[in-house]
């Protein structure tokens, strides 16, 4: 998955006739980070992919799609956790419906374990919805903390700084966010919470 997403980022960047440095500067990232993403050496957070999508004026879902198919997609979610893609802040995710092109929403399943996920805050365009499948976690939006457990859900504006604050053991949840067209929209940078 890392190399697939990275190759899509590179393809779109080249189509936009932008250098890695130009993308990095507009995203607030280093050129080295853009290079690592494009070469599949680093799997960025969804928020970082959103920054790149904003810079390249495309939907973030474009980086996760592997076709332009618009037919219904059935996908079994009974996938071993080793197939989840890891990120640089410790959580893993499984992209759902990657075969469906030009999505208006992006569904993902996230998995986080105590001791692996780092406390962080991200912001991005669009709306987001979290539904807890199993386990529990503390999740923060702005300065408000929410304790979420199985069958709880949370819906919010992605521009509000948000992120996992703490996982007691492990948590698995469905995350759906709108796959915005970033043209002419403002983007809020990722701000780690220290």
C-alpha atoms as a PDB file:
ATOM      1  CA  UNK A   1       0.000   0.000   0.000  1.00  0.00           C
ATOM      2  CA  UNK A   2       2.835   2.452   0.856  1.00  0.00           C
ATOM      3  CA  UNK A   3       4.430   2.156  -2.592  1.00  0.00           C
ATOM      4  CA  UNK A   4       1.029   2.321  -4.318  1.00  0.00           C
ATOM      5  CA  UNK A   5       0.054   5.552  -2.562  1.00  0.00           C
ATOM      6  CA  UNK A   6       3.528   6.983  -3.099  1.00  0.00           C
ATOM      7  CA  UNK A   7       3.461   6.222  -6.809  1.00  0.00           C
ATOM      8  CA  UNK A   8       0.068   7.938  -7.113  1.00  0.00           C
ATOM      9  CA  UNK A   9       1.397  11.013  -5.299  1.00  0.00           C
ATOM     10  CA  UNK A  10       4.384  11.128  -7.658  1.00  0.00           C
ATOM     11  CA  UNK A  11       2.210  10.646 -10.750  1.00  0.00           C
ATOM     12  CA  UNK A  12      -0.135  13.488  -9.794  1.00  0.00           C
ATOM     13  CA  UNK A  13       2.783  15.735  -8.805  1.00  0.00           C
ATOM     14  CA  UNK A  14       4.429  15.214 -12.191  1.00  0.00           C
ATOM     15  CA  UNK A  15       1.115  15.810 -13.990  1.00  0.00           C
ATOM     16  CA  UNK A  16       0.908  19.126 -12.112  1.00  0.00           C
ATOM     17  CA  UNK A  17       4.502  19.860 -13.206  1.00  0.00           C
ATOM     18  CA  UNK A  18       5.580  20.476  -9.624  1.00  0.00           C
ATOM     19  CA  UNK A  19       8.868  19.566  -7.989  1.00  0.00           C
ATOM     20  CA  UNK A  20       9.120  17.699  -4.707  1.00  0.00           C
ATOM     21  CA  UNK A  21      10.442  20.914  -3.157  1.00  0.00           C
ATOM     22  CA  UNK A  22       7.427  22.927  -4.338  1.00  0.00           C
ATOM     23  CA  UNK A  23       5.011  20.371  -2.885  1.00  0.00           C
ATOM     24  CA  UNK A  24       7.010  20.191   0.345  1.00  0.00           C
ATOM     25  CA  UNK A  25       7.053  23.979   0.739  1.00  0.00           C
ATOM     26  CA  UNK A  26       3.298  24.302   0.217  1.00  0.00           C
ATOM     27  CA  UNK A  27       2.556  21.393   2.570  1.00  0.00           C
ATOM     28  CA  UNK A  28       4.917  22.505   5.322  1.00  0.00           C
ATOM     29  CA  UNK A  29       6.905  19.283   4.939  1.00  0.00           C
ATOM     30  CA  UNK A  30      10.501  18.566   3.979  1.00  0.00           C
ATOM     31  CA  UNK A  31      11.537  17.572   0.465  1.00  0.00           C
ATOM     32  CA  UNK A  32      13.001  14.438   2.056  1.00  0.00           C
ATOM     33  CA  UNK A  33       9.563  13.501   3.459  1.00  0.00           C
ATOM     34  CA  UNK A  34       7.894  13.912   0.044  1.00  0.00           C
ATOM     35  CA  UNK A  35      10.618  11.731  -1.486  1.00  0.00           C
ATOM     36  CA  UNK A  36      10.157   9.047   1.191  1.00  0.00           C
ATOM     37  CA  UNK A  37       6.393   9.049   0.602  1.00  0.00           C
ATOM     38  CA  UNK A  38       6.798   8.778  -3.180  1.00  0.00           C
ATOM     39  CA  UNK A  39       9.273   5.912  -2.839  1.00  0.00           C
ATOM     40  CA  UNK A  40       7.093   3.992  -0.369  1.00  0.00           C
ATOM     41  CA  UNK A  41       9.558   4.336   2.508  1.00  0.00           C
ATOM     42  CA  UNK A  42       7.087   6.210   4.739  1.00  0.00           C
ATOM     43  CA  UNK A  43       3.337   5.878   5.043  1.00  0.00           C
ATOM     44  CA  UNK A  44       2.048   9.321   6.001  1.00  0.00           C
ATOM     45  CA  UNK A  45      -0.990  10.025   8.110  1.00  0.00           C
ATOM     46  CA  UNK A  46      -4.286  10.651   6.362  1.00  0.00           C
ATOM     47  CA  UNK A  47      -3.928  14.322   7.338  1.00  0.00           C
ATOM     48  CA  UNK A  48      -0.537  14.524   5.602  1.00  0.00           C
ATOM     49  CA  UNK A  49      -2.067  12.956   2.493  1.00  0.00           C
ATOM     50  CA  UNK A  50      -4.793  15.580   2.771  1.00  0.00           C
ATOM     51  CA  UNK A  51      -2.167  18.340   2.788  1.00  0.00           C
ATOM     52  CA  UNK A  52      -0.600  16.891  -0.340  1.00  0.00           C
ATOM     53  CA  UNK A  53      -4.020  16.554  -1.994  1.00  0.00           C
ATOM     54  CA  UNK A  54      -4.755  20.193  -1.155  1.00  0.00           C
ATOM     55  CA  UNK A  55      -1.456  21.302  -2.699  1.00  0.00           C
ATOM     56  CA  UNK A  56      -2.099  19.249  -5.851  1.00  0.00           C
ATOM     57  CA  UNK A  57      -5.803  20.271  -6.033  1.00  0.00           C
ATOM     58  CA  UNK A  58      -7.154  16.706  -5.958  1.00  0.00           C
ATOM     59  CA  UNK A  59      -9.292  14.638  -3.601  1.00  0.00           C
ATOM     60  CA  UNK A  60      -7.309  12.683  -1.036  1.00  0.00           C
ATOM     61  CA  UNK A  61      -9.263   9.579  -2.060  1.00  0.00           C
ATOM     62  CA  UNK A  62      -7.457   9.697  -5.424  1.00  0.00           C
ATOM     63  CA  UNK A  63      -4.294   8.464  -3.696  1.00  0.00           C
ATOM     64  CA  UNK A  64      -6.156   5.433  -2.323  1.00  0.00           C
ATOM     65  CA  UNK A  65      -8.071   4.422  -5.448  1.00  0.00           C
ATOM     66  CA  UNK A  66      -6.714   1.800  -7.800  1.00  0.00           C
ATOM     67  CA  UNK A  67      -9.293   2.130 -10.572  1.00  0.00           C
ATOM     68  CA  UNK A  68     -11.970   4.353 -12.024  1.00  0.00           C
ATOM     69  CA  UNK A  69     -14.644   1.694 -11.545  1.00  0.00           C
ATOM     70  CA  UNK A  70     -18.031   3.044 -10.436  1.00  0.00           C
ATOM     71  CA  UNK A  71     -19.672  -0.352  -9.883  1.00  0.00           C
ATOM     72  CA  UNK A  72     -20.704  -1.467  -6.387  1.00  0.00           C
ATOM     73  CA  UNK A  73     -17.777  -2.807  -4.367  1.00  0.00           C
ATOM     74  CA  UNK A  74     -18.033  -5.690  -1.905  1.00  0.00           C
ATOM     75  CA  UNK A  75     -15.045  -6.183   0.363  1.00  0.00           C
ATOM     76  CA  UNK A  76     -14.695  -8.531   3.314  1.00  0.00           C
ATOM     77  CA  UNK A  77     -13.267  -6.682   6.305  1.00  0.00           C
ATOM     78  CA  UNK A  78     -12.126  -9.928   7.898  1.00  0.00           C
ATOM     79  CA  UNK A  79      -8.512  -9.108   7.053  1.00  0.00           C
ATOM     80  CA  UNK A  80      -5.663 -10.023   9.399  1.00  0.00           C
ATOM     81  CA  UNK A  81      -4.177  -6.979  11.135  1.00  0.00           C
ATOM     82  CA  UNK A  82      -0.857  -7.565   9.364  1.00  0.00           C
ATOM     83  CA  UNK A  83      -2.557  -6.323   6.168  1.00  0.00           C
ATOM     84  CA  UNK A  84      -3.308  -2.972   7.744  1.00  0.00           C
ATOM     85  CA  UNK A  85      -0.979  -0.200   6.546  1.00  0.00           C
ATOM     86  CA  UNK A  86       1.088   1.412   9.308  1.00  0.00           C
ATOM     87  CA  UNK A  87       1.616   5.165   9.612  1.00  0.00           C
ATOM     88  CA  UNK A  88       4.376   7.338  11.035  1.00  0.00           C
ATOM     89  CA  UNK A  89       2.315   8.051  14.204  1.00  0.00           C
ATOM     90  CA  UNK A  90       1.682   4.416  15.079  1.00  0.00           C
ATOM     91  CA  UNK A  91      -1.857   3.625  13.991  1.00  0.00           C
ATOM     92  CA  UNK A  92      -2.708   1.273  11.121  1.00  0.00           C
ATOM     93  CA  UNK A  93      -5.471   1.554   8.558  1.00  0.00           C
ATOM     94  CA  UNK A  94      -7.264  -0.489   5.935  1.00  0.00           C
ATOM     95  CA  UNK A  95      -8.636   1.393   2.931  1.00  0.00           C
ATOM     96  CA  UNK A  96     -12.136   0.282   2.002  1.00  0.00           C
ATOM     97  CA  UNK A  97     -13.527   0.409  -1.551  1.00  0.00           C
ATOM     98  CA  UNK A  98     -10.219   1.351  -3.154  1.00  0.00           C
ATOM     99  CA  UNK A  99     -11.627  -0.079  -6.400  1.00  0.00           C
ATOM    100  CA  UNK A 100     -14.325   2.620  -6.513  1.00  0.00           C
ATOM    101  CA  UNK A 101     -13.086   5.701  -8.356  1.00  0.00           C
ATOM    102  CA  UNK A 102     -13.738   9.370  -7.627  1.00  0.00           C
ATOM    103  CA  UNK A 103     -15.353   8.784  -4.221  1.00  0.00           C
ATOM    104  CA  UNK A 104     -17.223  11.519  -2.371  1.00  0.00           C
ATOM    105  CA  UNK A 105     -16.424   9.847   0.967  1.00  0.00           C
ATOM    106  CA  UNK A 106     -13.399   7.815   2.044  1.00  0.00           C
ATOM    107  CA  UNK A 107     -14.102   4.863   4.366  1.00  0.00           C
ATOM    108  CA  UNK A 108     -11.223   3.364   6.361  1.00  0.00           C
ATOM    109  CA  UNK A 109     -10.837   0.973   9.257  1.00  0.00           C
ATOM    110  CA  UNK A 110      -8.279   2.115  11.822  1.00  0.00           C
ATOM    111  CA  UNK A 111      -6.481  -0.029  14.373  1.00  0.00           C
ATOM    112  CA  UNK A 112      -4.459   1.388  17.259  1.00  0.00           C
ATOM    113  CA  UNK A 113      -2.730  -0.267  20.177  1.00  0.00           C
ATOM    114  CA  UNK A 114      -1.506   1.155  23.466  1.00  0.00           C
ATOM    115  CA  UNK A 115       2.205   1.946  23.320  1.00  0.00           C
ATOM    116  CA  UNK A 116       2.274   2.138  19.512  1.00  0.00           C
ATOM    117  CA  UNK A 117       0.186   5.193  18.670  1.00  0.00           C
ATOM    118  CA  UNK A 118       1.645   8.606  19.526  1.00  0.00           C
ATOM    119  CA  UNK A 119      -0.396  11.473  20.886  1.00  0.00           C
ATOM    120  CA  UNK A 120      -0.957  13.811  17.922  1.00  0.00           C
ATOM    121  CA  UNK A 121      -3.413  16.325  16.491  1.00  0.00           C
ATOM    122  CA  UNK A 122      -4.311  16.750  12.838  1.00  0.00           C
ATOM    123  CA  UNK A 123      -6.646  19.032  10.917  1.00  0.00           C
ATOM    124  CA  UNK A 124      -7.998  18.769   7.392  1.00  0.00           C
ATOM    125  CA  UNK A 125     -10.852  19.911   5.215  1.00  0.00           C
ATOM    126  CA  UNK A 126     -14.131  18.014   5.271  1.00  0.00           C
ATOM    127  CA  UNK A 127     -16.225  16.221   7.827  1.00  0.00           C
ATOM    128  CA  UNK A 128     -15.357  13.034   9.647  1.00  0.00           C
ATOM    129  CA  UNK A 129     -17.248  10.274  11.411  1.00  0.00           C
ATOM    130  CA  UNK A 130     -15.800   7.628  13.748  1.00  0.00           C
ATOM    131  CA  UNK A 131     -17.673   4.454  14.770  1.00  0.00           C
ATOM    132  CA  UNK A 132     -15.980   2.186  17.319  1.00  0.00           C
ATOM    133  CA  UNK A 133     -16.056  -1.486  16.303  1.00  0.00           C
ATOM    134  CA  UNK A 134     -14.145  -2.919  19.269  1.00  0.00           C
ATOM    135  CA  UNK A 135     -12.056  -1.630  22.148  1.00  0.00           C
ATOM    136  CA  UNK A 136     -11.993   1.884  23.509  1.00  0.00           C
ATOM    137  CA  UNK A 137      -9.967   5.079  23.319  1.00  0.00           C
ATOM    138  CA  UNK A 138      -9.764   8.698  24.394  1.00  0.00           C
ATOM    139  CA  UNK A 139     -10.151  11.023  21.411  1.00  0.00           C
ATOM    140  CA  UNK A 140      -9.718  14.795  21.526  1.00  0.00           C
ATOM    141  CA  UNK A 141     -11.339  17.450  19.342  1.00  0.00           C
ATOM    142  CA  UNK A 142     -10.050  20.957  20.062  1.00  0.00           C
ATOM    143  CA  UNK A 143      -9.771  20.810  23.867  1.00  0.00           C
ATOM    144  CA  UNK A 144     -12.672  18.409  24.459  1.00  0.00           C
ATOM    145  CA  UNK A 145     -11.878  14.788  25.365  1.00  0.00           C
ATOM    146  CA  UNK A 146     -14.260  11.979  24.411  1.00  0.00           C
ATOM    147  CA  UNK A 147     -14.129   8.469  25.811  1.00  0.00           C
ATOM    148  CA  UNK A 148     -15.298   6.156  23.019  1.00  0.00           C
ATOM    149  CA  UNK A 149     -16.068   2.451  23.307  1.00  0.00           C
ATOM    150  CA  UNK A 150     -17.754  -0.200  21.124  1.00  0.00           C
ATOM    151  CA  UNK A 151     -20.836   1.096  19.281  1.00  0.00           C
ATOM    152  CA  UNK A 152     -20.098   4.771  20.088  1.00  0.00           C
ATOM    153  CA  UNK A 153     -19.734   7.268  17.282  1.00  0.00           C
ATOM    154  CA  UNK A 154     -18.424  10.780  16.873  1.00  0.00           C
ATOM    155  CA  UNK A 155     -19.111  13.193  13.996  1.00  0.00           C
ATOM    156  CA  UNK A 156     -17.124  16.433  13.594  1.00  0.00           C
ATOM    157  CA  UNK A 157     -15.607  19.074  11.342  1.00  0.00           C
ATOM    158  CA  UNK A 158     -12.147  17.888  10.242  1.00  0.00           C
ATOM    159  CA  UNK A 159     -10.771  21.436  10.466  1.00  0.00           C
ATOM    160  CA  UNK A 160     -10.914  21.158  14.249  1.00  0.00           C
ATOM    161  CA  UNK A 161      -7.590  19.822  15.615  1.00  0.00           C
ATOM    162  CA  UNK A 162      -8.276  16.197  16.545  1.00  0.00           C
ATOM    163  CA  UNK A 163      -6.609  12.894  17.261  1.00  0.00           C
ATOM    164  CA  UNK A 164      -6.225   9.843  19.441  1.00  0.00           C
ATOM    165  CA  UNK A 165      -5.116  10.856  22.900  1.00  0.00           C
ATOM    166  CA  UNK A 166      -4.887   7.471  24.571  1.00  0.00           C
ATOM    167  CA  UNK A 167      -5.722   3.827  23.905  1.00  0.00           C
ATOM    168  CA  UNK A 168      -6.014   1.644  27.020  1.00  0.00           C
ATOM    169  CA  UNK A 169      -5.408  -1.658  25.208  1.00  0.00           C
ATOM    170  CA  UNK A 170      -6.395  -1.573  21.550  1.00  0.00           C
ATOM    171  CA  UNK A 171      -9.155  -0.139  19.423  1.00  0.00           C
ATOM    172  CA  UNK A 172     -10.560  -0.844  15.978  1.00  0.00           C
ATOM    173  CA  UNK A 173     -12.885   1.703  14.399  1.00  0.00           C
ATOM    174  CA  UNK A 174     -14.544   2.706  11.164  1.00  0.00           C
ATOM    175  CA  UNK A 175     -13.551   6.185  10.039  1.00  0.00           C
ATOM    176  CA  UNK A 176     -15.360   7.931   7.205  1.00  0.00           C
ATOM    177  CA  UNK A 177     -14.365  11.345   5.963  1.00  0.00           C
ATOM    178  CA  UNK A 178     -15.470  13.439   3.036  1.00  0.00           C
ATOM    179  CA  UNK A 179     -13.107  13.274   0.090  1.00  0.00           C
ATOM    180  CA  UNK A 180     -13.059  17.008  -0.557  1.00  0.00           C
ATOM    181  CA  UNK A 181     -12.049  18.749  -3.719  1.00  0.00           C
ATOM    182  CA  UNK A 182      -9.477  21.091  -2.196  1.00  0.00           C
ATOM    183  CA  UNK A 183      -9.567  23.765  -4.871  1.00  0.00           C
ATOM    184  CA  UNK A 184      -9.956  27.225  -3.282  1.00  0.00           C
ATOM    185  CA  UNK A 185     -10.269  25.828   0.260  1.00  0.00           C
ATOM    186  CA  UNK A 186      -8.197  26.649   3.316  1.00  0.00           C
ATOM    187  CA  UNK A 187      -6.184  23.913   4.999  1.00  0.00           C
ATOM    188  CA  UNK A 188      -5.095  23.813   8.638  1.00  0.00           C
ATOM    189  CA  UNK A 189      -1.639  22.353   9.235  1.00  0.00           C
ATOM    190  CA  UNK A 190      -0.937  19.350  11.430  1.00  0.00           C
ATOM    191  CA  UNK A 191       0.040  20.430  14.917  1.00  0.00           C
ATOM    192  CA  UNK A 192       1.488  17.755  17.216  1.00  0.00           C
ATOM    193  CA  UNK A 193       0.339  17.930  20.805  1.00  0.00           C
ATOM    194  CA  UNK A 194       3.347  17.720  23.091  1.00  0.00           C
END
